[in-house]
């Protein structure tokens, strides 16, 4: 399996509202529930009025389009990183999954995943 490093810094935010301006960047993930409105975006595009934010994330994209019938794509990645005490934040889209780790653990995550046989590009 091939994982593509995304060469940007990300922030995970809790926001009161999303505007069209907040959705401008190449990477922007929105999650809305009955309890919260979350935004994962490039750090340089964090909205001014955030309720809470956590900076310092880097990401990988699982390359290709994943069929919805595929099972167990994320669990081995999560297990490898958890065994090395690296926490993850995952966002799934229609096409694929994105795995985020804290910036200070990113190089270690690359080494661990590469050693396990993942092609990290």
N, C-alpha and C. Protein backbone atom coordinates (compact mmCIF):
# COMPACT_ATOMS: atom_id res chain seq x y z
N UNK A 1 0.84 -1.18 0.00
CA UNK A 1 0.00 0.00 0.00
C UNK A 1 0.88 1.24 0.00
N UNK A 2 0.45 2.26 -0.70
CA UNK A 2 1.24 3.48 -0.85
C UNK A 2 0.60 4.61 -0.06
N UNK A 3 1.43 5.29 0.73
CA UNK A 3 1.01 6.45 1.51
C UNK A 3 1.76 7.67 1.00
N UNK A 4 1.04 8.72 0.73
CA UNK A 4 1.67 9.96 0.25
C UNK A 4 1.76 10.96 1.39
N UNK A 5 2.99 11.43 1.64
CA UNK A 5 3.18 12.49 2.63
C UNK A 5 2.59 13.78 2.07
N UNK A 6 1.87 14.49 2.90
CA UNK A 6 1.31 15.78 2.50
C UNK A 6 2.20 16.85 3.11
N UNK A 7 2.80 17.66 2.26
CA UNK A 7 3.81 18.61 2.69
C UNK A 7 3.19 19.93 3.17
N UNK A 8 2.39 19.84 4.20
CA UNK A 8 1.74 21.01 4.80
C UNK A 8 1.60 20.77 6.30
N UNK A 9 1.44 21.84 7.04
CA UNK A 9 1.11 21.76 8.46
C UNK A 9 -0.40 21.93 8.59
N UNK A 10 -1.00 21.12 9.49
CA UNK A 10 -2.44 21.14 9.67
C UNK A 10 -2.80 21.53 11.09
N UNK A 11 -4.03 22.04 11.23
CA UNK A 11 -4.61 22.38 12.52
C UNK A 11 -5.98 21.75 12.59
N UNK A 12 -6.32 21.24 13.76
CA UNK A 12 -7.65 20.70 14.02
C UNK A 12 -8.37 21.71 14.89
N UNK A 13 -9.53 22.16 14.44
CA UNK A 13 -10.24 23.25 15.12
C UNK A 13 -11.66 22.87 15.48
N UNK A 14 -12.16 23.50 16.53
CA UNK A 14 -13.59 23.50 16.82
C UNK A 14 -14.05 24.92 16.52
N UNK A 15 -15.07 25.07 15.70
CA UNK A 15 -15.53 26.39 15.27
C UNK A 15 -17.02 26.54 15.52
N UNK A 16 -17.48 27.78 15.57
CA UNK A 16 -18.91 28.06 15.74
C UNK A 16 -19.64 28.05 14.40
N UNK A 17 -18.91 28.40 13.33
CA UNK A 17 -19.51 28.47 12.00
C UNK A 17 -18.42 28.31 10.95
N UNK A 18 -18.82 27.91 9.76
CA UNK A 18 -17.91 27.79 8.62
C UNK A 18 -18.37 28.78 7.55
N UNK A 19 -17.42 29.54 7.01
CA UNK A 19 -17.75 30.44 5.92
C UNK A 19 -17.10 29.92 4.64
N UNK A 20 -17.51 30.45 3.52
CA UNK A 20 -16.92 30.05 2.24
C UNK A 20 -15.42 30.33 2.25
N UNK A 21 -15.00 31.38 2.90
CA UNK A 21 -13.58 31.72 2.99
C UNK A 21 -12.80 30.63 3.72
N UNK A 22 -13.41 29.98 4.71
CA UNK A 22 -12.76 28.92 5.47
C UNK A 22 -12.51 27.67 4.63
N UNK A 23 -13.19 27.52 3.53
CA UNK A 23 -13.09 26.33 2.70
C UNK A 23 -12.13 26.50 1.55
N UNK A 24 -11.34 27.52 1.54
CA UNK A 24 -10.45 27.83 0.42
C UNK A 24 -9.21 26.98 0.40
N UNK A 25 -8.48 26.49 0.62
CA UNK A 25 -7.23 25.74 0.61
C UNK A 25 -7.39 24.39 -0.05
N UNK A 26 -6.31 23.80 -0.40
CA UNK A 26 -6.35 22.49 -1.04
C UNK A 26 -6.89 21.40 -0.12
N UNK A 27 -6.68 21.54 1.16
CA UNK A 27 -7.12 20.54 2.12
C UNK A 27 -7.99 21.20 3.17
N UNK A 28 -9.22 20.74 3.27
CA UNK A 28 -10.16 21.26 4.25
C UNK A 28 -11.18 20.17 4.54
N UNK A 29 -11.28 19.74 5.77
CA UNK A 29 -12.19 18.67 6.16
C UNK A 29 -13.14 19.22 7.22
N UNK A 30 -14.43 19.05 7.02
CA UNK A 30 -15.44 19.56 7.93
C UNK A 30 -16.22 18.37 8.50
N UNK A 31 -16.43 18.41 9.81
CA UNK A 31 -17.28 17.42 10.46
C UNK A 31 -18.29 18.12 11.33
N UNK A 32 -19.57 17.77 11.16
CA UNK A 32 -20.63 18.43 11.94
C UNK A 32 -21.50 17.36 12.57
N UNK A 33 -21.71 17.51 13.87
CA UNK A 33 -22.61 16.61 14.59
C UNK A 33 -23.59 17.46 15.40
N UNK A 34 -24.43 16.80 16.19
CA UNK A 34 -25.35 17.55 17.06
C UNK A 34 -24.60 18.22 18.21
N UNK A 35 -23.32 17.89 18.40
CA UNK A 35 -22.55 18.45 19.51
C UNK A 35 -21.46 19.44 19.10
N UNK A 36 -21.00 19.39 17.84
CA UNK A 36 -19.88 20.26 17.48
C UNK A 36 -19.75 20.43 15.98
N UNK A 37 -18.93 21.40 15.62
CA UNK A 37 -18.55 21.66 14.24
C UNK A 37 -17.03 21.71 14.23
N UNK A 38 -16.41 20.74 13.54
CA UNK A 38 -14.96 20.64 13.51
C UNK A 38 -14.42 20.93 12.12
N UNK A 39 -13.22 21.45 12.08
CA UNK A 39 -12.56 21.80 10.84
C UNK A 39 -11.10 21.36 10.94
N UNK A 40 -10.64 20.61 9.94
CA UNK A 40 -9.21 20.29 9.81
C UNK A 40 -8.75 21.02 8.57
N UNK A 41 -7.77 21.89 8.72
CA UNK A 41 -7.34 22.71 7.59
C UNK A 41 -5.86 23.01 7.69
N UNK A 42 -5.33 23.57 6.62
CA UNK A 42 -3.95 24.04 6.65
C UNK A 42 -3.82 25.09 7.75
N UNK A 43 -2.74 25.05 8.48
CA UNK A 43 -2.56 25.98 9.59
C UNK A 43 -2.67 27.43 9.13
N UNK A 44 -2.18 27.71 7.93
CA UNK A 44 -2.25 29.09 7.44
C UNK A 44 -3.67 29.54 7.11
N UNK A 45 -4.63 28.61 7.09
CA UNK A 45 -6.02 28.95 6.78
C UNK A 45 -6.97 28.80 7.97
N UNK A 46 -6.43 28.73 9.18
CA UNK A 46 -7.30 28.61 10.35
C UNK A 46 -8.15 29.87 10.48
N UNK A 47 -9.47 29.71 10.67
CA UNK A 47 -10.32 30.89 10.83
C UNK A 47 -9.95 31.70 12.08
N UNK A 48 -10.19 32.98 12.02
CA UNK A 48 -9.88 33.87 13.15
C UNK A 48 -10.67 33.48 14.40
N UNK A 49 -11.91 33.15 14.23
CA UNK A 49 -12.81 32.91 15.36
C UNK A 49 -12.97 31.41 15.66
N UNK A 50 -11.93 30.78 16.16
CA UNK A 50 -12.05 29.37 16.54
C UNK A 50 -12.38 29.28 18.02
N UNK A 51 -13.12 28.24 18.38
CA UNK A 51 -13.45 28.00 19.79
C UNK A 51 -12.32 27.25 20.48
N UNK A 52 -11.65 26.39 19.72
CA UNK A 52 -10.51 25.63 20.23
C UNK A 52 -9.69 25.18 19.03
N UNK A 53 -8.39 24.98 19.23
CA UNK A 53 -7.54 24.54 18.12
C UNK A 53 -6.36 23.75 18.64
N UNK A 54 -5.90 22.84 17.80
CA UNK A 54 -4.71 22.05 18.12
C UNK A 54 -3.82 22.08 16.88
N UNK A 55 -2.72 22.80 16.96
CA UNK A 55 -1.79 22.96 15.85
C UNK A 55 -0.76 21.83 15.85
N UNK A 56 0.03 21.79 14.77
CA UNK A 56 1.20 20.92 14.74
C UNK A 56 0.95 19.51 14.24
N UNK A 57 0.10 19.35 13.24
CA UNK A 57 -0.19 18.04 12.67
C UNK A 57 0.38 17.94 11.26
N UNK A 58 0.84 16.75 10.89
CA UNK A 58 1.28 16.43 9.52
C UNK A 58 0.45 15.23 9.06
N UNK A 59 0.34 15.07 7.73
CA UNK A 59 -0.54 14.01 7.26
C UNK A 59 0.00 13.14 6.15
N UNK A 60 -0.66 11.99 6.01
CA UNK A 60 -0.45 11.03 4.93
C UNK A 60 -1.80 10.80 4.25
N UNK A 61 -1.78 10.55 2.97
CA UNK A 61 -2.97 10.13 2.25
C UNK A 61 -2.76 8.70 1.77
N UNK A 62 -3.73 7.83 1.98
CA UNK A 62 -3.66 6.50 1.38
C UNK A 62 -3.96 6.71 -0.09
N UNK A 63 -3.00 6.34 -0.93
CA UNK A 63 -3.10 6.60 -2.37
C UNK A 63 -4.14 5.69 -3.03
N UNK A 64 -4.81 6.25 -4.01
CA UNK A 64 -5.81 5.51 -4.76
C UNK A 64 -7.20 5.69 -4.19
N UNK A 65 -8.16 5.17 -4.91
CA UNK A 65 -9.55 5.22 -4.47
C UNK A 65 -9.85 3.89 -3.78
N UNK A 66 -10.31 3.99 -2.52
CA UNK A 66 -10.60 2.79 -1.74
C UNK A 66 -12.07 2.41 -1.91
N UNK A 67 -12.30 1.19 -2.26
CA UNK A 67 -13.66 0.68 -2.39
C UNK A 67 -14.27 0.55 -0.99
N UNK A 68 -15.55 0.86 -0.87
CA UNK A 68 -16.20 0.79 0.44
C UNK A 68 -16.26 -0.62 1.00
N UNK A 69 -16.09 -1.62 0.18
CA UNK A 69 -16.13 -3.00 0.66
C UNK A 69 -14.81 -3.43 1.30
N UNK A 70 -13.75 -2.65 1.14
CA UNK A 70 -12.46 -3.00 1.74
C UNK A 70 -12.53 -2.89 3.26
N UNK A 71 -12.00 -3.87 3.93
CA UNK A 71 -12.04 -3.91 5.39
C UNK A 71 -10.61 -4.00 5.92
N UNK A 72 -10.36 -3.26 7.01
CA UNK A 72 -9.07 -3.40 7.68
C UNK A 72 -7.93 -2.61 7.07
N UNK A 73 -8.22 -1.53 6.38
CA UNK A 73 -7.17 -0.70 5.80
C UNK A 73 -6.47 0.12 6.88
N UNK A 74 -7.24 0.75 7.74
CA UNK A 74 -6.67 1.64 8.76
C UNK A 74 -6.13 0.91 9.99
N UNK A 75 -6.73 -0.22 10.34
CA UNK A 75 -6.35 -0.85 11.61
C UNK A 75 -4.88 -1.25 11.69
N UNK A 76 -4.25 -1.81 10.64
CA UNK A 76 -2.82 -2.13 10.79
C UNK A 76 -1.95 -0.88 10.93
N UNK A 77 -2.32 0.19 10.24
CA UNK A 77 -1.57 1.45 10.36
C UNK A 77 -1.71 1.99 11.78
N UNK A 78 -2.94 2.03 12.26
CA UNK A 78 -3.20 2.52 13.62
C UNK A 78 -2.45 1.68 14.65
N UNK A 79 -2.45 0.37 14.48
CA UNK A 79 -1.79 -0.53 15.42
C UNK A 79 -0.28 -0.29 15.43
N UNK A 80 0.33 -0.19 14.24
CA UNK A 80 1.77 0.06 14.16
C UNK A 80 2.15 1.34 14.90
N UNK A 81 1.38 2.39 14.65
CA UNK A 81 1.70 3.68 15.27
C UNK A 81 1.39 3.67 16.76
N UNK A 82 0.30 3.05 17.15
CA UNK A 82 -0.05 2.96 18.58
C UNK A 82 1.01 2.18 19.35
N UNK A 83 1.51 1.10 18.75
CA UNK A 83 2.56 0.30 19.41
C UNK A 83 3.82 1.13 19.66
N UNK A 84 4.00 2.19 18.88
CA UNK A 84 5.14 3.09 19.07
C UNK A 84 4.74 4.38 19.79
N UNK A 85 3.57 4.35 20.40
CA UNK A 85 3.06 5.50 21.19
C UNK A 85 2.86 6.76 20.35
N UNK A 86 2.46 6.57 19.08
CA UNK A 86 2.17 7.70 18.20
C UNK A 86 0.66 7.76 18.01
N UNK A 87 0.06 8.83 18.49
CA UNK A 87 -1.38 9.02 18.34
C UNK A 87 -1.72 9.47 16.93
N UNK A 88 -2.93 9.17 16.50
CA UNK A 88 -3.37 9.55 15.15
C UNK A 88 -4.71 10.26 15.21
N UNK A 89 -4.98 11.01 14.16
CA UNK A 89 -6.27 11.62 13.91
C UNK A 89 -6.59 11.27 12.46
N UNK A 90 -7.73 10.65 12.22
CA UNK A 90 -8.05 10.14 10.88
C UNK A 90 -9.26 10.87 10.32
N UNK A 91 -9.19 11.18 9.03
CA UNK A 91 -10.33 11.74 8.30
C UNK A 91 -10.55 10.86 7.08
N UNK A 92 -11.78 10.44 6.89
CA UNK A 92 -12.12 9.64 5.72
C UNK A 92 -12.94 10.49 4.77
N UNK A 93 -12.63 10.36 3.48
CA UNK A 93 -13.40 11.03 2.44
C UNK A 93 -14.05 9.96 1.57
N UNK A 94 -14.77 10.37 0.56
CA UNK A 94 -15.40 9.40 -0.33
C UNK A 94 -14.35 8.51 -0.98
N UNK A 95 -13.23 9.09 -1.39
CA UNK A 95 -12.20 8.33 -2.10
C UNK A 95 -11.24 7.56 -1.22
N UNK A 96 -10.81 8.15 -0.11
CA UNK A 96 -9.70 7.55 0.63
C UNK A 96 -9.67 8.02 2.07
N UNK A 97 -8.60 7.69 2.76
CA UNK A 97 -8.41 8.08 4.16
C UNK A 97 -7.15 8.91 4.31
N UNK A 98 -7.19 9.80 5.29
CA UNK A 98 -6.05 10.64 5.63
C UNK A 98 -5.69 10.37 7.08
N UNK A 99 -4.41 10.15 7.33
CA UNK A 99 -3.94 9.87 8.68
C UNK A 99 -3.03 11.03 9.10
N UNK A 100 -3.36 11.64 10.22
CA UNK A 100 -2.58 12.75 10.74
C UNK A 100 -1.88 12.32 12.03
N UNK A 101 -0.63 12.75 12.18
CA UNK A 101 0.14 12.54 13.40
C UNK A 101 0.76 13.88 13.78
N UNK A 102 1.11 13.99 15.05
CA UNK A 102 1.75 15.24 15.48
C UNK A 102 3.08 15.40 14.75
N UNK A 103 3.41 16.65 14.46
CA UNK A 103 4.59 16.99 13.67
C UNK A 103 5.87 16.38 14.25
N UNK A 104 6.00 16.38 15.57
CA UNK A 104 7.23 15.86 16.18
C UNK A 104 7.35 14.34 16.08
N UNK A 105 6.27 13.65 15.70
CA UNK A 105 6.30 12.19 15.54
C UNK A 105 6.27 11.78 14.06
N UNK A 106 6.22 12.74 13.17
CA UNK A 106 6.03 12.44 11.75
C UNK A 106 7.18 11.61 11.17
N UNK A 107 8.42 12.00 11.41
CA UNK A 107 9.56 11.25 10.87
C UNK A 107 9.59 9.83 11.41
N UNK A 108 9.29 9.67 12.69
CA UNK A 108 9.23 8.32 13.27
C UNK A 108 8.12 7.51 12.63
N UNK A 109 6.97 8.13 12.37
CA UNK A 109 5.86 7.43 11.72
C UNK A 109 6.27 6.97 10.32
N UNK A 110 6.97 7.82 9.59
CA UNK A 110 7.45 7.44 8.24
C UNK A 110 8.36 6.22 8.34
N UNK A 111 9.30 6.23 9.27
CA UNK A 111 10.22 5.10 9.44
C UNK A 111 9.47 3.81 9.81
N UNK A 112 8.56 3.92 10.74
CA UNK A 112 7.80 2.74 11.21
C UNK A 112 6.97 2.15 10.07
N UNK A 113 6.26 2.99 9.36
CA UNK A 113 5.40 2.51 8.27
C UNK A 113 6.24 1.94 7.12
N UNK A 114 7.36 2.59 6.81
CA UNK A 114 8.24 2.10 5.75
C UNK A 114 8.82 0.73 6.12
N UNK A 115 9.26 0.61 7.36
CA UNK A 115 9.84 -0.66 7.83
C UNK A 115 8.80 -1.78 7.78
N UNK A 116 7.53 -1.43 7.96
CA UNK A 116 6.45 -2.42 7.94
C UNK A 116 6.01 -2.78 6.52
N UNK A 117 6.63 -2.14 5.51
CA UNK A 117 6.31 -2.50 4.14
C UNK A 117 5.44 -1.53 3.38
N UNK A 118 5.03 -0.45 4.04
CA UNK A 118 4.26 0.58 3.33
C UNK A 118 5.23 1.41 2.48
N UNK A 119 4.81 1.74 1.28
CA UNK A 119 5.61 2.62 0.44
C UNK A 119 5.17 4.05 0.76
N UNK A 120 6.07 4.81 1.39
CA UNK A 120 5.76 6.19 1.78
C UNK A 120 6.47 7.11 0.79
N UNK A 121 5.68 7.85 0.05
CA UNK A 121 6.26 8.75 -0.98
C UNK A 121 6.04 10.20 -0.60
